[in-house]
Amino acid sequence: MSRTVHCVKLGLEAEGLEKPPFKGPLGERVFEHVSRDGWKRWLEHSKMLINEYRLDLTSESGQNIWMTECEKFFFGDGSSAPPEFKPR
């Protein structure tokens, strides 16, 4: 049976994630407050961030940037593209 959450990104009740997307307090917070659709939006946005910032998610610094942007995307002022980013 699926669970619903009040998604902080979409501003409505929607189907929640099946489990926390990653370990730690932020992963638990995302699990409790972000819907599947909200998480999908983050994954699309994070692809752009990984490519534009050339993030190496195997490194601690790359992971820190990714996690910071994730927190901003859902619980802060939002995560934005680098100024030179031009969508295709």
Protein backbone atom coordinates (compact mmCIF):
# COMPACT_ATOMS: atom_id res chain seq x y z
CA MET A 1 0.00 0.00 0.00
CA SER A 2 1.39 3.38 -0.95
CA ARG A 3 1.74 6.20 1.49
CA THR A 4 0.96 9.84 0.89
CA VAL A 5 2.85 12.91 2.00
CA HIS A 6 2.26 16.62 1.78
CA CYS A 7 4.99 17.36 -0.75
CA VAL A 8 6.99 20.48 0.04
CA LYS A 9 7.94 20.85 -3.64
CA LEU A 10 4.49 20.41 -5.18
CA GLY A 11 2.46 21.86 -2.30
CA LEU A 12 -0.10 19.05 -2.32
CA GLU A 13 -0.83 15.55 -1.06
CA ALA A 14 0.82 12.98 -3.30
CA GLU A 15 2.27 9.48 -3.30
CA GLY A 16 5.40 9.32 -1.16
CA LEU A 17 8.67 7.53 -1.69
CA GLU A 18 8.91 3.85 -0.72
CA LYS A 19 12.02 4.40 1.40
CA PRO A 20 14.49 7.20 2.20
CA PRO A 21 16.51 8.00 -0.93
CA PHE A 22 19.78 8.02 1.03
CA LYS A 23 21.03 7.65 4.60
CA GLY A 24 21.13 10.40 7.19
CA PRO A 25 18.88 13.17 8.46
CA LEU A 26 18.36 14.77 5.04
CA GLY A 27 17.36 11.42 3.53
CA GLU A 28 14.79 10.95 6.31
CA ARG A 29 13.50 14.50 5.85
CA VAL A 30 13.09 13.97 2.12
CA PHE A 31 11.28 10.68 2.79
CA GLU A 32 8.82 12.38 5.14
CA HIS A 33 8.14 15.52 3.07
CA VAL A 34 8.76 14.83 -0.63
CA SER A 35 6.53 12.95 -3.08
CA ARG A 36 7.65 10.62 -5.84
CA ASP A 37 6.95 13.33 -8.42
CA GLY A 38 8.87 15.88 -6.37
CA TRP A 39 11.82 13.49 -6.17
CA LYS A 40 11.68 12.92 -9.95
CA ARG A 41 11.91 16.69 -10.45
CA TRP A 42 15.01 16.75 -8.23
CA LEU A 43 16.63 13.92 -10.19
CA GLU A 44 16.13 15.82 -13.45
CA HIS A 45 17.48 19.02 -11.91
CA SER A 46 20.42 17.20 -10.34
CA LYS A 47 21.43 15.74 -13.72
CA MET A 48 21.88 19.28 -14.97
CA LEU A 49 23.88 20.22 -11.85
CA ILE A 50 26.13 17.16 -12.19
CA ASN A 51 26.84 17.98 -15.82
CA GLU A 52 27.21 21.75 -15.51
CA TYR A 53 29.36 21.66 -12.36
CA ARG A 54 31.06 18.45 -13.51
CA LEU A 55 30.38 16.93 -10.11
CA ASP A 56 32.18 13.73 -9.18
CA LEU A 57 29.69 12.04 -6.86
CA THR A 58 32.35 9.56 -5.78
CA SER A 59 34.24 12.40 -4.08
CA GLU A 60 33.31 13.92 -0.74
CA SER A 61 33.28 17.45 -2.19
CA GLY A 62 30.97 16.40 -5.06
CA GLN A 63 28.61 14.69 -2.62
CA ASN A 64 28.60 17.75 -0.35
CA ILE A 65 27.64 20.03 -3.23
CA TRP A 66 24.92 17.61 -4.40
CA MET A 67 23.46 17.28 -0.88
CA THR A 68 23.55 21.05 -0.31
CA GLU A 69 21.73 21.66 -3.58
CA CYS A 70 19.20 18.92 -2.72
CA GLU A 71 18.44 20.58 0.61
CA LYS A 72 18.10 23.99 -1.07
CA PHE A 73 15.86 22.50 -3.79
CA PHE A 74 13.34 21.12 -1.29
CA PHE A 75 13.71 23.09 1.92
CA GLY A 76 15.50 26.33 1.04
CA ASP A 77 15.26 29.06 -1.57
CA GLY A 78 15.63 26.54 -4.39
CA SER A 79 18.55 25.26 -6.36
CA SER A 80 19.30 27.13 -9.54
CA ALA A 81 21.34 26.52 -12.64
CA PRO A 82 24.77 28.13 -13.07
CA PRO A 83 24.47 31.58 -14.72
CA GLU A 84 26.02 30.32 -17.97
CA PHE A 85 23.58 27.38 -18.29
CA LYS A 86 21.47 27.46 -21.45
CA PRO A 87 18.80 24.74 -21.75
CA ARG A 88 18.58 23.03 -25.12
